C-alpha atoms as a PDB file:
ATOM      1  CA  MET A   1      54.860 178.604 -75.651  1.00  0.00           C
ATOM      2  CA  LYS A   2      58.696 179.868 -75.078  1.00  0.00           C
ATOM      3  CA  VAL A   3      60.190 181.476 -71.770  1.00  0.00           C
ATOM      4  CA  SER A   4      60.828 184.392 -73.567  1.00  0.00           C
ATOM      5  CA  ASP A   5      56.973 184.961 -74.361  1.00  0.00           C
ATOM      6  CA  LEU A   6      56.214 185.796 -70.690  1.00  0.00           C
ATOM      7  CA  MET A   7      59.345 186.379 -68.713  1.00  0.00           C
ATOM      8  CA  THR A   8      60.228 189.645 -67.117  1.00  0.00           C
ATOM      9  CA  ARG A   9      62.987 191.187 -69.172  1.00  0.00           C
ATOM     10  CA  GLU A  10      63.332 194.274 -67.367  1.00  0.00           C
ATOM     11  CA  VAL A  11      65.315 193.046 -64.140  1.00  0.00           C
ATOM     12  CA  LYS A  12      67.187 194.908 -61.855  1.00  0.00           C
ATOM     13  CA  SER A  13      70.213 193.409 -60.201  1.00  0.00           C
ATOM     14  CA  CYS A  14      72.722 193.786 -57.432  1.00  0.00           C
ATOM     15  CA  VAL A  15      76.226 192.731 -56.816  1.00  0.00           C
ATOM     16  CA  ALA A  16      77.516 190.742 -53.843  1.00  0.00           C
ATOM     17  CA  ASP A  17      79.120 193.930 -52.245  1.00  0.00           C
ATOM     18  CA  ASP A  18      75.941 195.710 -52.010  1.00  0.00           C
ATOM     19  CA  LEU A  19      74.207 196.037 -48.513  1.00  0.00           C
ATOM     20  CA  LEU A  20      70.756 194.743 -48.033  1.00  0.00           C
ATOM     21  CA  THR A  21      69.272 198.171 -48.102  1.00  0.00           C
ATOM     22  CA  ARG A  22      70.161 197.997 -51.921  1.00  0.00           C
ATOM     23  CA  ALA A  23      68.676 194.771 -52.541  1.00  0.00           C
ATOM     24  CA  ALA A  24      65.528 195.764 -50.416  1.00  0.00           C
ATOM     25  CA  GLN A  25      65.256 199.195 -52.280  1.00  0.00           C
ATOM     26  CA  ILE A  26      65.171 197.201 -55.640  1.00  0.00           C
ATOM     27  CA  MET A  27      62.450 195.159 -54.384  1.00  0.00           C
ATOM     28  CA  TRP A  28      60.449 197.984 -52.810  1.00  0.00           C
ATOM     29  CA  GLU A  29      60.963 200.032 -56.059  1.00  0.00           C
ATOM     30  CA  GLY A  30      60.336 196.953 -58.621  1.00  0.00           C
ATOM     31  CA  ASP A  31      57.181 195.217 -56.551  1.00  0.00           C
ATOM     32  CA  CYS A  32      59.403 192.248 -56.670  1.00  0.00           C
ATOM     33  CA  GLY A  33      60.683 189.596 -54.151  1.00  0.00           C
ATOM     34  CA  ILE A  34      63.847 188.526 -55.621  1.00  0.00           C
ATOM     35  CA  VAL A  35      66.957 190.329 -56.737  1.00  0.00           C
ATOM     36  CA  PRO A  36      69.126 188.318 -58.916  1.00  0.00           C
ATOM     37  CA  VAL A  37      73.297 188.949 -57.931  1.00  0.00           C
ATOM     38  CA  VAL A  38      75.353 189.470 -60.611  1.00  0.00           C
ATOM     39  CA  ASP A  39      79.263 189.473 -61.315  1.00  0.00           C
ATOM     40  CA  SER A  40      80.981 192.451 -63.176  1.00  0.00           C
ATOM     41  CA  GLU A  41      80.291 190.521 -66.509  1.00  0.00           C
ATOM     42  CA  ASN A  42      76.388 190.722 -65.722  1.00  0.00           C
ATOM     43  CA  ARG A  43      76.719 186.835 -64.966  1.00  0.00           C
ATOM     44  CA  VAL A  44      74.316 185.544 -62.463  1.00  0.00           C
ATOM     45  CA  ILE A  45      76.275 184.333 -59.028  1.00  0.00           C
ATOM     46  CA  GLY A  46      73.287 184.301 -56.766  1.00  0.00           C
ATOM     47  CA  VAL A  47      70.022 185.587 -55.713  1.00  0.00           C
ATOM     48  CA  VAL A  48      68.573 187.190 -52.765  1.00  0.00           C
ATOM     49  CA  THR A  49      64.882 186.865 -51.866  1.00  0.00           C
ATOM     50  CA  ASP A  50      62.748 189.170 -49.298  1.00  0.00           C
ATOM     51  CA  ARG A  51      62.929 186.283 -47.018  1.00  0.00           C
ATOM     52  CA  ASP A  52      66.619 186.012 -47.008  1.00  0.00           C
ATOM     53  CA  ILE A  53      66.690 189.829 -46.163  1.00  0.00           C
ATOM     54  CA  CYS A  54      64.169 189.369 -43.264  1.00  0.00           C
ATOM     55  CA  MET A  55      66.002 186.112 -41.885  1.00  0.00           C
ATOM     56  CA  ALA A  56      69.413 187.907 -42.069  1.00  0.00           C
ATOM     57  CA  ALA A  57      68.155 191.258 -40.141  1.00  0.00           C
ATOM     58  CA  TYR A  58      66.516 188.524 -37.643  1.00  0.00           C
ATOM     59  CA  THR A  59      69.307 186.224 -36.996  1.00  0.00           C
ATOM     60  CA  LYS A  60      72.268 188.430 -37.295  1.00  0.00           C
ATOM     61  CA  GLY A  61      70.563 191.258 -35.301  1.00  0.00           C
ATOM     62  CA  LEU A  62      71.948 193.831 -37.378  1.00  0.00           C
ATOM     63  CA  PRO A  63      70.369 196.734 -39.448  1.00  0.00           C
ATOM     64  CA  LEU A  64      70.133 195.819 -43.117  1.00  0.00           C
ATOM     65  CA  ASP A  65      72.787 198.710 -44.004  1.00  0.00           C
ATOM     66  CA  ALA A  66      75.310 196.601 -41.695  1.00  0.00           C
ATOM     67  CA  ILE A  67      75.115 193.339 -43.909  1.00  0.00           C
ATOM     68  CA  ARG A  68      76.406 192.470 -47.411  1.00  0.00           C
ATOM     69  CA  VAL A  69      74.222 190.784 -49.823  1.00  0.00           C
ATOM     70  CA  ARG A  70      77.274 188.079 -50.254  1.00  0.00           C
ATOM     71  CA  ASP A  71      76.344 187.206 -46.644  1.00  0.00           C
ATOM     72  CA  VAL A  72      72.837 186.004 -47.149  1.00  0.00           C
ATOM     73  CA  MET A  73      72.359 185.241 -51.053  1.00  0.00           C
ATOM     74  CA  ALA A  74      71.724 181.924 -52.063  1.00  0.00           C
ATOM     75  CA  LYS A  75      74.513 180.925 -54.334  1.00  0.00           C
ATOM     76  CA  GLN A  76      72.793 177.922 -55.943  1.00  0.00           C
ATOM     77  CA  VAL A  77      70.712 179.810 -58.442  1.00  0.00           C
ATOM     78  CA  PHE A  78      67.893 177.834 -60.603  1.00  0.00           C
ATOM     79  CA  SER A  79      67.869 178.866 -64.071  1.00  0.00           C
ATOM     80  CA  CYS A  80      66.331 178.370 -67.437  1.00  0.00           C
ATOM     81  CA  SER A  81      66.969 179.671 -71.145  1.00  0.00           C
ATOM     82  CA  SER A  82      64.729 181.915 -72.838  1.00  0.00           C
ATOM     83  CA  GLN A  83      64.044 179.267 -75.553  1.00  0.00           C
ATOM     84  CA  ASP A  84      63.148 176.701 -73.197  1.00  0.00           C
ATOM     85  CA  ASP A  85      59.602 175.583 -73.228  1.00  0.00           C
ATOM     86  CA  VAL A  86      57.381 176.846 -70.551  1.00  0.00           C
ATOM     87  CA  GLU A  87      56.485 173.156 -69.577  1.00  0.00           C
ATOM     88  CA  LYS A  88      60.176 172.662 -68.717  1.00  0.00           C
ATOM     89  CA  ALA A  89      60.387 175.550 -66.662  1.00  0.00           C
ATOM     90  CA  LEU A  90      57.511 174.363 -64.633  1.00  0.00           C
ATOM     91  CA  SER A  91      58.945 171.009 -64.425  1.00  0.00           C
ATOM     92  CA  ALA A  92      62.164 172.647 -63.329  1.00  0.00           C
ATOM     93  CA  MET A  93      60.192 175.024 -60.481  1.00  0.00           C
ATOM     94  CA  GLU A  94      58.352 171.979 -58.904  1.00  0.00           C
ATOM     95  CA  ASN A  95      61.614 169.731 -58.948  1.00  0.00           C
ATOM     96  CA  LYS A  96      63.532 172.442 -57.035  1.00  0.00           C
ATOM     97  CA  GLN A  97      60.805 173.897 -55.277  1.00  0.00           C
ATOM     98  CA  VAL A  98      61.406 177.483 -56.350  1.00  0.00           C
ATOM     99  CA  ARG A  99      58.835 180.012 -57.340  1.00  0.00           C
ATOM    100  CA  ARG A 100      61.141 181.844 -59.840  1.00  0.00           C
ATOM    101  CA  LEU A 101      63.893 180.975 -62.303  1.00  0.00           C
ATOM    102  CA  ALA A 102      66.646 183.369 -63.665  1.00  0.00           C
ATOM    103  CA  VAL A 103      66.407 183.395 -67.103  1.00  0.00           C
ATOM    104  CA  VAL A 104      70.102 183.080 -68.629  1.00  0.00           C
ATOM    105  CA  ASP A 105      71.949 183.051 -71.871  1.00  0.00           C
ATOM    106  CA  ASP A 106      74.570 180.597 -72.933  1.00  0.00           C
ATOM    107  CA  ALA A 107      77.184 182.751 -71.139  1.00  0.00           C
ATOM    108  CA  VAL A 108      75.106 182.723 -67.720  1.00  0.00           C
ATOM    109  CA  ASN A 109      74.311 186.423 -68.418  1.00  0.00           C
ATOM    110  CA  LEU A 110      70.894 187.600 -66.705  1.00  0.00           C
ATOM    111  CA  VAL A 111      68.263 188.215 -69.457  1.00  0.00           C
ATOM    112  CA  GLY A 112      65.054 187.733 -67.411  1.00  0.00           C
ATOM    113  CA  ILE A 113      63.075 186.250 -64.779  1.00  0.00           C
ATOM    114  CA  LEU A 114      60.130 183.798 -65.074  1.00  0.00           C
ATOM    115  CA  SER A 115      58.024 183.898 -61.822  1.00  0.00           C
ATOM    116  CA  LEU A 116      54.756 181.649 -61.061  1.00  0.00           C
ATOM    117  CA  ASN A 117      53.089 184.990 -61.008  1.00  0.00           C
ATOM    118  CA  ASP A 118      54.218 185.507 -64.865  1.00  0.00           C
ATOM    119  CA  LEU A 119      52.780 182.024 -65.278  1.00  0.00           C
ATOM    120  CA  ALA A 120      49.444 182.567 -63.388  1.00  0.00           C
ATOM    121  CA  CYS A 121      48.826 185.629 -65.165  1.00  0.00           C
ATOM    122  CA  GLU A 122      49.263 184.296 -68.753  1.00  0.00           C
ATOM    123  CA  ALA A 123      46.816 181.458 -67.715  1.00  0.00           C
ATOM    124  CA  GLU A 124      44.240 183.809 -66.696  1.00  0.00           C
ATOM    125  CA  ARG A 125      44.712 185.992 -69.604  1.00  0.00           C
ATOM    126  CA  GLN A 126      44.417 182.716 -71.908  1.00  0.00           C
ATOM    127  CA  HIS A 127      41.204 181.659 -69.979  1.00  0.00           C
ATOM    128  CA  ALA A 128      39.683 184.937 -70.276  1.00  0.00           C
ATOM    129  CA  ARG A 129      40.110 184.828 -74.244  1.00  0.00           C
ATOM    130  CA  GLY A 130      39.113 181.074 -74.340  1.00  0.00           C
ATOM    131  CA  GLY A 131      42.455 179.555 -74.802  1.00  0.00           C
ATOM    132  CA  ARG A 132      43.773 176.496 -73.511  1.00  0.00           C
ATOM    133  CA  HIS A 133      47.123 176.410 -73.866  1.00  0.00           C
ATOM    134  CA  LEU A 134      48.765 177.141 -70.233  1.00  0.00           C
ATOM    135  CA  ALA A 135      46.178 175.456 -67.742  1.00  0.00           C
ATOM    136  CA  GLY A 136      45.208 176.905 -64.387  1.00  0.00           C
ATOM    137  CA  ALA A 137      45.486 173.520 -63.387  1.00  0.00           C
ATOM    138  CA  ARG A 138      49.157 173.300 -64.296  1.00  0.00           C
ATOM    139  CA  ILE A 139      50.270 176.241 -62.481  1.00  0.00           C
ATOM    140  CA  ALA A 140      48.211 175.032 -59.391  1.00  0.00           C
ATOM    141  CA  ARG A 141      50.272 171.718 -59.579  1.00  0.00           C
ATOM    142  CA  THR A 142      53.455 173.526 -59.600  1.00  0.00           C
ATOM    143  CA  LEU A 143      52.711 175.978 -57.009  1.00  0.00           C
ATOM    144  CA  ALA A 144      51.440 173.023 -54.662  1.00  0.00           C
ATOM    145  CA  ALA A 145      54.819 171.353 -54.927  1.00  0.00           C
ATOM    146  CA  VAL A 146      56.808 174.595 -54.623  1.00  0.00           C
ATOM    147  CA  CYS A 147      54.773 174.800 -51.371  1.00  0.00           C
ATOM    148  CA  GLN A 148      55.514 171.823 -50.069  1.00  0.00           C
ATOM    149  CA  PRO A 149      57.808 171.496 -47.084  1.00  0.00           C
ATOM    150  CA  ARG A 150      61.549 170.933 -48.405  1.00  0.00           C
ATOM    151  CA  ARG A 151      62.543 167.177 -48.740  1.00  0.00           C
ATOM    152  CA  LYS A 152      64.805 166.645 -45.849  1.00  0.00           C
ATOM    153  CA  PRO A 153      67.898 164.070 -46.242  1.00  0.00           C
ATOM    154  CA  GLU A 154      67.150 160.752 -44.157  1.00  0.00           C
ATOM    155  CA  PRO A 155      68.602 160.889 -40.765  1.00  0.00           C
ATOM    156  CA  THR A 156      71.921 159.443 -40.149  1.00  0.00           C
ATOM    157  CA  VAL A 157      72.039 157.063 -37.415  1.00  0.00           C
ATOM    158  CA  VAL A 158      75.299 155.665 -35.940  1.00  0.00           C
ATOM    159  CA  VAL A 159      75.330 152.517 -33.996  1.00  0.00           C
ATOM    160  CA  PRO A 160      78.125 151.675 -31.840  1.00  0.00           C
ATOM    161  CA  ALA A 161      80.083 148.395 -32.905  1.00  0.00           C
ATOM    162  CA  ALA A 162      80.049 147.410 -29.351  1.00  0.00           C
ATOM    163  CA  ALA A 163      77.856 148.810 -26.617  1.00  0.00           C
ATOM    164  CA  PRO A 164      79.931 150.265 -23.866  1.00  0.00           C
ATOM    165  CA  ALA A 165      79.349 148.446 -20.435  1.00  0.00           C
ATOM    166  CA  GLY A 166      76.023 149.076 -18.660  1.00  0.00           C
ATOM    167  CA  MET A 167      74.516 150.448 -22.114  1.00  0.00           C
ATOM    168  CA  ARG A 168      71.130 149.280 -23.347  1.00  0.00           C
ATOM    169  CA  VAL A 169      70.967 148.774 -27.283  1.00  0.00           C
ATOM    170  CA  GLU A 170      67.468 147.805 -27.220  1.00  0.00           C
ATOM    171  CA  PRO A 171      66.134 151.564 -26.875  1.00  0.00           C
ATOM    172  CA  LEU A 172      68.429 152.364 -29.885  1.00  0.00           C
ATOM    173  CA  ILE A 173      66.897 149.755 -32.119  1.00  0.00           C
ATOM    174  CA  ALA A 174      63.583 150.385 -31.384  1.00  0.00           C
ATOM    175  CA  ARG A 175      64.366 154.135 -32.140  1.00  0.00           C
ATOM    176  CA  LEU A 176      65.576 153.151 -35.177  1.00  0.00           C
ATOM    177  CA  ALA A 177      62.693 151.143 -36.276  1.00  0.00           C
ATOM    178  CA  ASP A 178      60.893 154.087 -35.572  1.00  0.00           C
ATOM    179  CA  VAL A 179      62.639 156.281 -37.947  1.00  0.00           C
ATOM    180  CA  GLU A 180      62.619 153.785 -40.843  1.00  0.00           C
ATOM    181  CA  SER A 181      58.719 153.359 -40.620  1.00  0.00           C
END
């Protein structure tokens, strides 16, 4: 099964200069939680989620009509091709811990969105028809991977070459051992 078989094709987008009120309006009217951000040639340059909007309003202490999409959008966009196999898309979602992938053509133009919701609904349809192509267990595994806490980089600890006079190095070494275990 190809991504093109399941993706949402009628995707509304916004531009980086739009206000967050525009992105929120698109989400409300389209009953979705993500809006791709495109440039003047419809190339995907970012995404903004409902969570991004909420966190921006909270952390900036400003109304949505005072914040530009460019200030809160994720610039790293995970995508797939409409011709990719669904299994490849599921693996990408797991590895990148994302619920949605932008579907783009060779020129990185937006052609759709593939969400875990699209995949879960298809698995349910297939199950109701007695089919087994897209297993619910596979979707559940992907969702479980996406829901794991984000992988954090290993802590970097700098140990001075020579301890200053009066500094005990042993407690620092003990803490380093705790970090490594």
